[in-house]
Amino acid sequence: MPTHAVIPATEPAVQRVRVEISPRSVFLVLGVIVGVWLLGQLVAVLKVVAIALVMVGTFDPLVTWLERRGLGRGRALVLVFVAAALVLVGIVLLMVPPLVSQLLDLIVGAPQRRTELIAALQDRPWAKPLIGALEDLPLDNLAAHAGMRVIGYSTMLFVYIGYGLSTLFLAIYLLADPARSKGLVYAVVPRRHHVKVARILHELMRIVGGYMRGQLITSASIAVFVFALLTILGADNALPIALFAGLTDVIPFVGGYIASTPVIVSVIPMGLTTTIVVAVIMLIYQEFESRILVPRVYGRVLRLPPAIVLIALLIGGTLGGFLGVMIALPIAAGLQMLVRELRVDLPGSVPASDELLARDIRASEIYSHLSQGSAPIEASVIAEEVATMVKESEEDGRTTMPGRVPP
């Protein structure tokens, strides 16, 4: 009778996974955490630096133009900032007192106007929900609440003045000696990246300058339109309201509608029909500005898709409030330019061609030959010249650099 051997069951081998974290990884994680914490603590400083750079990109072309006309760098700088300060003071003096007076009249007369509006709607059955909403509005103590708010905000005014002066002096320092400022940047960047740095700085100046010039065009356009409209209608304070419209129009998306509010309020005494007509006219102008004027002004400068514009504004408003919204679009355009200039291949994007990469290598070789033994300030000038050569080759449709090294 055959016998069967019984094989004892063996337990499966236990696999152990050992995870080792190197000291370098620990220090890297700690460094990232400390860096994020420092960024959070230095948000105010980063705002000052960002706004100062925007001011540099705005005024540098004008200062350079005056310098080429025979004025020294210092005199041109003083002339530009004095002229800008005089224009700002003139706008404030022409705009603020009449608008504050109009706002105070509106606040003081709000309860009386509510009573008149409720009396006019009393005999209309369809207006009962509207009458209830009007009665619930807290307008009786509106003046007292507004006064308390003003007192609360006045303490923050001195803080903003301090930040504003710091931003102004930083911008003046950067504009007074641009070569030394650029030399500091080139001193901390490896030489093999100097041509890319020169291209990035040039593109940043172009983006910021174009954005600010576009803001000036759109603001002047709505200011002239509002002034002409209110003058034709014979409304009071046409010039202050037009200046206010020009200033608030710089706020993306909502600036135009904020600018329209005092325009509509100023024509309310002229009757309901005139008020509705003016509201429709301002709405039509906003459509004209957003669909025709803005794409023509900013199209070649920013080159941002609408989705990126909206996301940039949300992020800028969340991180930086009003100032964040103001500089969100040039920062987003700058980041997009960085991705393009650094040849970063994002998912779904077309990678840089071999010809472009070869041109970058050739530009770096030319720069290395010309800048050998140069100080950082001299190297920055040479890098800008080589970057200009690369830019000219792009504009001519060429993907190669000249074979001969220029003198």
Protein backbone atom coordinates (compact mmCIF):
# COMPACT_ATOMS: atom_id res chain seq x y z
CA MET A 1 0.00 0.00 0.00
CA PRO A 2 1.63 3.25 -1.12
CA THR A 3 2.38 5.78 1.48
CA HIS A 4 2.32 9.56 0.99
CA ALA A 5 4.85 11.77 2.66
CA VAL A 6 3.41 14.71 4.53
CA ILE A 7 5.27 17.92 3.77
CA PRO A 8 5.07 20.29 6.69
CA ALA A 9 3.71 23.77 5.84
CA THR A 10 6.30 26.50 5.86
CA GLU A 11 5.54 30.06 6.80
CA PRO A 12 6.04 32.59 3.95
CA ALA A 13 9.15 34.65 4.19
CA VAL A 14 8.48 38.08 5.65
CA GLN A 15 9.76 40.91 3.44
CA ARG A 16 11.06 43.85 5.35
CA VAL A 17 11.29 47.30 3.78
CA ARG A 18 13.85 49.55 5.33
CA VAL A 19 13.56 53.27 4.72
CA GLU A 20 16.61 55.36 5.39
CA ILE A 21 16.53 59.15 5.34
CA SER A 22 19.86 60.74 4.68
CA PRO A 23 20.93 63.78 6.70
CA ARG A 24 20.98 65.78 3.47
CA SER A 25 17.26 65.08 2.89
CA VAL A 26 16.45 66.11 6.45
CA PHE A 27 18.31 69.40 6.05
CA LEU A 28 16.65 69.98 2.66
CA VAL A 29 13.15 69.56 4.11
CA LEU A 30 14.01 71.78 7.07
CA GLY A 31 15.42 74.38 4.67
CA VAL A 32 12.23 74.39 2.61
CA ILE A 33 10.12 74.80 5.76
CA VAL A 34 12.28 77.66 7.01
CA GLY A 35 12.20 79.28 3.55
CA VAL A 36 8.40 79.16 3.39
CA TRP A 37 8.18 80.58 6.91
CA LEU A 38 10.56 83.42 6.02
CA LEU A 39 8.54 84.23 2.90
CA GLY A 40 5.44 84.47 5.06
CA GLN A 41 7.22 86.85 7.43
CA LEU A 42 8.60 88.97 4.59
CA VAL A 43 5.39 89.49 2.63
CA ALA A 44 5.46 93.24 3.28
CA VAL A 45 9.08 93.47 2.12
CA LEU A 46 8.32 91.47 -1.01
CA LYS A 47 5.45 93.85 -1.79
CA VAL A 48 7.78 96.83 -1.47
CA VAL A 49 10.36 95.21 -3.76
CA ALA A 50 7.73 94.19 -6.34
CA ILE A 51 6.17 97.66 -6.50
CA ALA A 52 9.61 99.28 -6.68
CA LEU A 53 10.50 97.06 -9.64
CA VAL A 54 7.22 98.03 -11.32
CA MET A 55 8.12 101.70 -10.81
CA VAL A 56 11.57 101.06 -12.27
CA GLY A 57 10.07 99.42 -15.34
CA THR A 58 7.65 102.32 -15.71
CA PHE A 59 10.03 105.27 -15.36
CA ASP A 60 13.28 103.82 -16.74
CA PRO A 61 12.37 104.30 -20.44
CA LEU A 62 11.49 107.95 -19.80
CA VAL A 63 14.63 108.60 -17.73
CA THR A 64 16.77 106.93 -20.42
CA TRP A 65 15.08 109.01 -23.12
CA LEU A 66 15.83 112.25 -21.26
CA GLU A 67 19.38 111.10 -20.65
CA ARG A 68 19.91 110.58 -24.37
CA ARG A 69 18.64 114.12 -24.98
CA GLY A 70 21.55 115.57 -23.02
CA LEU A 71 20.35 115.56 -19.41
CA GLY A 72 22.42 113.75 -16.85
CA ARG A 73 21.05 110.64 -15.20
CA GLY A 74 20.49 112.44 -11.90
CA ARG A 75 18.79 115.47 -13.44
CA ALA A 76 16.54 113.29 -15.60
CA LEU A 77 15.59 111.23 -12.56
CA VAL A 78 14.75 114.34 -10.50
CA LEU A 79 12.73 115.83 -13.36
CA VAL A 80 10.67 112.67 -13.87
CA PHE A 81 9.83 112.16 -10.19
CA VAL A 82 9.09 115.84 -9.57
CA ALA A 83 6.76 115.90 -12.56
CA ALA A 84 5.06 112.69 -11.39
CA ALA A 85 4.66 114.11 -7.87
CA LEU A 86 3.14 117.35 -9.19
CA VAL A 87 0.69 115.43 -11.36
CA LEU A 88 -0.30 113.22 -8.43
CA VAL A 89 -0.79 116.19 -6.09
CA GLY A 90 -2.84 118.01 -8.72
CA ILE A 91 -5.09 114.99 -9.25
CA VAL A 92 -5.62 114.58 -5.52
CA LEU A 93 -6.46 118.27 -4.99
CA LEU A 94 -8.88 118.30 -7.92
CA MET A 95 -10.53 114.99 -7.09
CA VAL A 96 -10.63 114.34 -3.36
CA PRO A 97 -12.37 117.44 -1.87
CA PRO A 98 -15.38 117.45 -4.27
CA LEU A 99 -15.85 113.68 -4.04
CA VAL A 100 -15.61 113.70 -0.24
CA SER A 101 -18.21 116.49 -0.12
CA GLN A 102 -20.48 114.54 -2.45
CA LEU A 103 -20.03 111.38 -0.38
CA LEU A 104 -20.86 113.21 2.86
CA ASP A 105 -24.01 114.71 1.30
CA LEU A 106 -25.01 111.24 0.14
CA ILE A 107 -24.46 109.74 3.61
CA VAL A 108 -26.31 112.50 5.45
CA GLY A 109 -29.22 112.53 3.01
CA ALA A 110 -29.56 108.75 2.72
CA PRO A 111 -32.38 108.39 5.33
CA GLN A 112 -34.39 111.21 3.73
CA ARG A 113 -33.99 109.74 0.23
CA ARG A 114 -35.06 106.33 1.54
CA THR A 115 -38.20 107.85 3.02
CA GLU A 116 -39.00 109.60 -0.27
CA LEU A 117 -38.45 106.42 -2.25
CA ILE A 118 -40.67 104.37 0.08
CA ALA A 119 -43.43 106.99 -0.20
CA ALA A 120 -43.20 106.88 -4.00
CA LEU A 121 -43.47 103.07 -4.04
CA GLN A 122 -46.18 102.81 -1.36
CA ASP A 123 -49.12 102.57 -3.80
CA ARG A 124 -47.55 99.90 -6.02
CA PRO A 125 -48.34 96.30 -4.97
CA TRP A 126 -45.35 94.83 -6.80
CA ALA A 127 -42.97 97.00 -4.75
CA LYS A 128 -43.86 95.58 -1.31
CA PRO A 129 -40.78 93.28 -1.10
CA LEU A 130 -38.60 96.20 -2.19
CA ILE A 131 -40.16 98.47 0.43
CA GLY A 132 -39.42 95.90 3.14
CA ALA A 133 -35.80 95.64 2.03
CA LEU A 134 -35.45 99.43 2.05
CA GLU A 135 -36.89 99.68 5.57
CA ASP A 136 -34.37 97.11 6.83
CA LEU A 137 -31.36 99.06 5.54
CA PRO A 138 -29.33 100.47 8.50
CA LEU A 139 -29.16 104.03 7.22
CA ASP A 140 -30.10 105.93 10.38
CA ASN A 141 -26.63 105.73 11.97
CA LEU A 142 -24.72 105.57 8.70
CA ALA A 143 -22.80 108.78 9.35
CA ALA A 144 -21.66 107.63 12.80
CA HIS A 145 -20.52 104.25 11.46
CA ALA A 146 -18.67 105.94 8.60
CA GLY A 147 -16.89 108.25 11.06
CA MET A 148 -15.74 105.30 13.17
CA ARG A 149 -14.44 103.55 10.08
CA VAL A 150 -12.48 106.62 9.04
CA ILE A 151 -10.87 106.85 12.51
CA GLY A 152 -9.95 103.17 12.35
CA TYR A 153 -8.37 103.48 8.92
CA SER A 154 -6.46 106.64 9.84
CA THR A 155 -4.09 104.65 12.06
CA MET A 156 -3.18 102.45 9.08
CA LEU A 157 -2.48 105.50 6.93
CA PHE A 158 0.87 106.15 8.60
CA VAL A 159 1.94 102.54 7.98
CA TYR A 160 1.11 102.85 4.29
CA ILE A 161 2.98 106.16 4.12
CA GLY A 162 6.07 104.46 5.55
CA TYR A 163 5.88 101.61 3.05
CA GLY A 164 5.28 104.11 0.24
CA LEU A 165 8.37 106.14 1.11
CA SER A 166 10.47 102.97 1.34
CA THR A 167 9.22 101.87 -2.08
CA LEU A 168 9.93 105.29 -3.57
CA PHE A 169 13.51 105.49 -2.30
CA LEU A 170 14.24 101.92 -3.38
CA ALA A 171 12.99 102.70 -6.89
CA ILE A 172 15.09 105.89 -6.99
CA TYR A 173 18.19 103.97 -5.91
CA LEU A 174 17.67 101.31 -8.60
CA LEU A 175 17.10 103.96 -11.26
CA ALA A 176 20.00 106.18 -10.17
CA ASP A 177 22.64 103.51 -10.76
CA PRO A 178 21.14 100.73 -12.91
CA ALA A 179 24.55 99.31 -13.87
CA ARG A 180 25.51 98.71 -10.24
CA SER A 181 22.10 97.20 -9.47
CA LYS A 182 22.40 94.81 -12.40
CA GLY A 183 25.98 94.06 -11.41
CA LEU A 184 24.76 92.76 -8.05
CA VAL A 185 22.42 90.37 -9.87
CA TYR A 186 25.14 89.13 -12.22
CA ALA A 187 27.57 88.71 -9.32
CA VAL A 188 25.41 86.04 -7.65
CA VAL A 189 24.42 84.23 -10.87
CA PRO A 190 26.84 81.76 -12.53
CA ARG A 191 28.36 83.14 -15.72
CA ARG A 192 26.89 80.43 -17.91
CA HIS A 193 23.45 81.87 -17.19
CA HIS A 194 24.28 85.57 -17.70
CA VAL A 195 22.84 85.79 -21.22
CA LYS A 196 19.57 84.26 -20.03
CA VAL A 197 19.51 86.72 -17.13
CA ALA A 198 19.99 89.61 -19.58
CA ARG A 199 17.14 88.36 -21.76
CA ILE A 200 14.89 87.89 -18.73
CA LEU A 201 15.60 91.39 -17.39
CA HIS A 202 14.97 92.91 -20.82
CA GLU A 203 11.67 91.06 -21.19
CA LEU A 204 10.61 92.04 -17.67
CA MET A 205 11.23 95.70 -18.47
CA ARG A 206 9.22 95.32 -21.67
CA ILE A 207 6.31 93.64 -19.87
CA VAL A 208 6.16 96.12 -17.01
CA GLY A 209 6.63 99.15 -19.23
CA GLY A 210 4.02 97.95 -21.72
CA TYR A 211 1.57 97.13 -18.96
CA MET A 212 1.89 100.55 -17.34
CA ARG A 213 1.60 102.32 -20.70
CA GLY A 214 -1.53 100.29 -21.38
CA GLN A 215 -2.93 101.29 -18.00
CA LEU A 216 -2.27 104.93 -18.85
CA ILE A 217 -4.09 104.59 -22.17
CA THR A 218 -7.17 102.88 -20.73
CA SER A 219 -7.34 105.26 -17.74
CA ALA A 220 -7.05 108.34 -19.94
CA SER A 221 -9.69 106.93 -22.28
CA ILE A 222 -12.34 106.40 -19.60
CA ALA A 223 -11.49 109.73 -17.93
CA VAL A 224 -12.04 111.65 -21.18
CA PHE A 225 -15.22 109.70 -21.92
CA VAL A 226 -16.72 110.32 -18.46
CA PHE A 227 -15.78 114.01 -18.51
CA ALA A 228 -17.39 114.48 -21.94
CA LEU A 229 -20.54 112.59 -20.90
CA LEU A 230 -21.08 114.49 -17.65
CA THR A 231 -20.26 117.83 -19.27
CA ILE A 232 -22.86 117.25 -21.99
CA LEU A 233 -25.45 116.32 -19.36
CA GLY A 234 -24.52 119.32 -17.20
CA ALA A 235 -23.75 117.24 -14.09
CA ASP A 236 -21.82 118.65 -11.16
CA ASN A 237 -18.18 117.72 -10.43
CA ALA A 238 -17.52 116.36 -13.91
CA LEU A 239 -13.73 116.71 -13.65
CA PRO A 240 -13.29 115.07 -10.19
CA ILE A 241 -15.55 112.17 -11.17
CA ALA A 242 -13.62 111.73 -14.43
CA LEU A 243 -10.30 111.66 -12.55
CA PHE A 244 -11.73 109.12 -10.10
CA ALA A 245 -12.85 106.97 -13.04
CA GLY A 246 -9.38 107.11 -14.54
CA LEU A 247 -7.73 106.06 -11.28
CA THR A 248 -10.09 103.20 -10.45
CA ASP A 249 -9.99 101.86 -14.00
CA VAL A 250 -6.53 100.43 -13.27
CA ILE A 251 -8.18 97.71 -11.14
CA PRO A 252 -8.67 94.69 -13.42
CA PHE A 253 -12.23 93.52 -14.15
CA VAL A 254 -14.07 95.49 -11.44
CA GLY A 255 -12.33 98.84 -11.80
CA GLY A 256 -14.60 100.02 -14.58
CA TYR A 257 -17.73 99.24 -12.60
CA ILE A 258 -16.35 101.03 -9.54
CA ALA A 259 -15.64 104.01 -11.78
CA SER A 260 -19.23 103.93 -13.07
CA THR A 261 -20.79 104.22 -9.60
CA PRO A 262 -20.16 107.96 -8.96
CA VAL A 263 -21.06 108.69 -12.58
CA ILE A 264 -24.50 107.15 -12.10
CA VAL A 265 -24.96 108.72 -8.66
CA SER A 266 -24.17 112.18 -10.01
CA VAL A 267 -27.08 112.06 -12.51
CA ILE A 268 -29.70 110.71 -10.09
CA PRO A 269 -31.13 114.24 -9.49
CA MET A 270 -31.83 114.45 -13.24
CA GLY A 271 -34.48 111.77 -13.07
CA LEU A 272 -34.90 108.02 -13.40
CA THR A 273 -34.77 107.99 -17.20
CA THR A 274 -31.45 109.85 -17.36
CA THR A 275 -30.00 107.60 -14.67
CA ILE A 276 -30.95 104.43 -16.57
CA VAL A 277 -29.58 105.82 -19.84
CA VAL A 278 -26.25 106.76 -18.22
CA ALA A 279 -26.01 103.32 -16.59
CA VAL A 280 -26.54 101.66 -19.98
CA ILE A 281 -23.97 103.95 -21.62
CA MET A 282 -21.36 103.11 -18.98
CA LEU A 283 -22.10 99.40 -19.38
CA ILE A 284 -21.61 99.69 -23.14
CA TYR A 285 -18.32 101.49 -22.59
CA GLN A 286 -17.12 98.73 -20.26
CA GLU A 287 -17.87 96.16 -22.97
CA PHE A 288 -15.98 98.29 -25.51
CA GLU A 289 -12.98 98.58 -23.20
CA SER A 290 -12.83 94.91 -22.23
CA ARG A 291 -13.47 93.46 -25.71
CA ILE A 292 -11.80 95.95 -28.06
CA LEU A 293 -9.49 98.40 -26.28
CA VAL A 294 -7.79 96.13 -23.72
CA PRO A 295 -6.94 93.27 -26.16
CA ARG A 296 -5.36 95.78 -28.55
CA VAL A 297 -3.38 97.51 -25.80
CA TYR A 298 -2.20 94.46 -23.84
CA GLY A 299 -2.37 91.73 -26.48
CA ARG A 300 1.30 91.66 -27.49
CA VAL A 301 2.66 92.64 -24.08
CA LEU A 302 1.04 90.20 -21.65
CA ARG A 303 -0.11 87.36 -23.94
CA LEU A 304 -2.10 85.76 -21.13
CA PRO A 305 -5.09 83.47 -21.72
CA PRO A 306 -8.34 84.55 -19.99
CA ALA A 307 -8.20 81.62 -17.55
CA ILE A 308 -4.67 82.57 -16.46
CA VAL A 309 -5.80 86.18 -16.01
CA LEU A 310 -8.62 85.15 -13.68
CA ILE A 311 -6.42 82.76 -11.67
CA ALA A 312 -3.67 85.40 -11.37
CA LEU A 313 -6.15 87.99 -10.08
CA LEU A 314 -7.56 85.56 -7.51
CA ILE A 315 -4.11 84.61 -6.25
CA GLY A 316 -2.93 88.23 -6.22
CA GLY A 317 -6.00 89.39 -4.31
CA THR A 318 -5.70 86.56 -1.79
CA LEU A 319 -1.99 87.08 -1.10
CA GLY A 320 -1.62 90.82 -1.52
CA GLY A 321 -5.06 92.41 -1.36
CA PHE A 322 -5.54 95.49 -3.52
CA LEU A 323 -1.85 95.81 -4.38
CA GLY A 324 -1.73 92.11 -5.22
CA VAL A 325 -4.51 92.58 -7.75
CA MET A 326 -2.72 95.59 -9.23
CA ILE A 327 0.53 93.72 -9.97
CA ALA A 328 -0.91 90.23 -10.51
CA LEU A 329 -1.04 90.44 -14.32
CA PRO A 330 2.54 91.65 -14.94
CA ILE A 331 3.81 89.04 -12.46
CA ALA A 332 1.85 86.30 -14.24
CA ALA A 333 3.19 87.49 -17.60
CA GLY A 334 6.69 87.54 -16.12
CA LEU A 335 6.37 83.95 -14.87
CA GLN A 336 5.12 82.86 -18.28
CA MET A 337 8.12 84.58 -19.85
CA LEU A 338 10.47 82.82 -17.41
CA VAL A 339 9.09 79.44 -18.43
CA ARG A 340 9.64 80.36 -22.07
CA GLU A 341 13.12 81.81 -21.69
CA LEU A 342 14.40 79.01 -19.44
CA ARG A 343 13.15 76.43 -21.96
CA VAL A 344 11.02 74.64 -19.36
CA ASP A 345 8.95 71.89 -21.01
CA LEU A 346 5.54 71.94 -19.34
CA PRO A 347 2.98 69.15 -19.93
CA GLY A 348 1.17 69.77 -23.19
CA SER A 349 3.61 72.43 -24.40
CA VAL A 350 5.80 72.19 -27.50
CA PRO A 351 9.43 71.56 -26.47
CA ALA A 352 12.14 73.91 -27.66
CA SER A 353 13.65 72.94 -31.00
CA ASP A 354 17.26 71.79 -31.39
CA GLU A 355 18.00 74.98 -33.36
CA LEU A 356 16.92 77.19 -30.45
CA LEU A 357 18.96 75.18 -27.97
CA ALA A 358 21.98 75.38 -30.27
CA ARG A 359 21.51 79.14 -30.55
CA ASP A 360 21.47 79.46 -26.76
CA ILE A 361 24.72 77.49 -26.55
CA ARG A 362 26.30 79.68 -29.23
CA ALA A 363 25.22 82.86 -27.42
CA SER A 364 26.75 81.55 -24.19
CA GLU A 365 30.02 80.78 -26.01
CA ILE A 366 30.16 84.30 -27.48
CA TYR A 367 29.50 85.82 -24.08
CA SER A 368 32.15 83.66 -22.38
CA HIS A 369 34.71 84.80 -24.98
CA LEU A 370 33.85 88.51 -24.66
CA SER A 371 33.47 88.65 -20.88
CA GLN A 372 36.56 86.73 -19.91
CA GLY A 373 38.15 88.51 -16.94
CA SER A 374 35.45 91.22 -16.80
CA ALA A 375 34.00 92.62 -13.59
CA PRO A 376 30.30 91.98 -12.87
CA ILE A 377 29.25 95.48 -14.03
CA GLU A 378 31.18 95.14 -17.30
CA ALA A 379 29.89 91.59 -17.72
CA SER A 380 26.30 92.84 -17.39
CA VAL A 381 26.83 95.26 -20.29
CA ILE A 382 28.34 92.51 -22.46
CA ALA A 383 25.51 90.11 -21.58
CA GLU A 384 22.95 92.73 -22.62
CA GLU A 385 24.71 93.19 -25.97
CA VAL A 386 24.73 89.44 -26.64
CA ALA A 387 21.07 89.21 -25.56
CA THR A 388 20.30 91.99 -28.05
CA MET A 389 21.95 89.92 -30.78
CA VAL A 390 19.75 86.96 -29.84
CA LYS A 391 16.65 89.19 -29.88
CA GLU A 392 17.54 90.55 -33.33
CA SER A 393 17.97 87.03 -34.66
CA GLU A 394 14.51 86.15 -33.34
CA GLU A 395 12.93 89.21 -34.94
CA ASP A 396 14.60 88.36 -38.26
CA GLY A 397 13.23 84.81 -38.08
CA ARG A 398 16.65 83.23 -37.71
CA THR A 399 17.37 80.41 -35.26
CA THR A 400 21.17 80.68 -35.45
CA MET A 401 23.76 83.09 -34.13
CA PRO A 402 26.47 84.64 -36.31
CA GLY A 403 29.50 82.43 -36.70
CA ARG A 404 31.96 85.27 -36.14
CA VAL A 405 32.42 86.69 -32.66
CA PRO A 406 31.72 90.46 -32.74
CA PRO A 407 34.46 92.83 -31.50
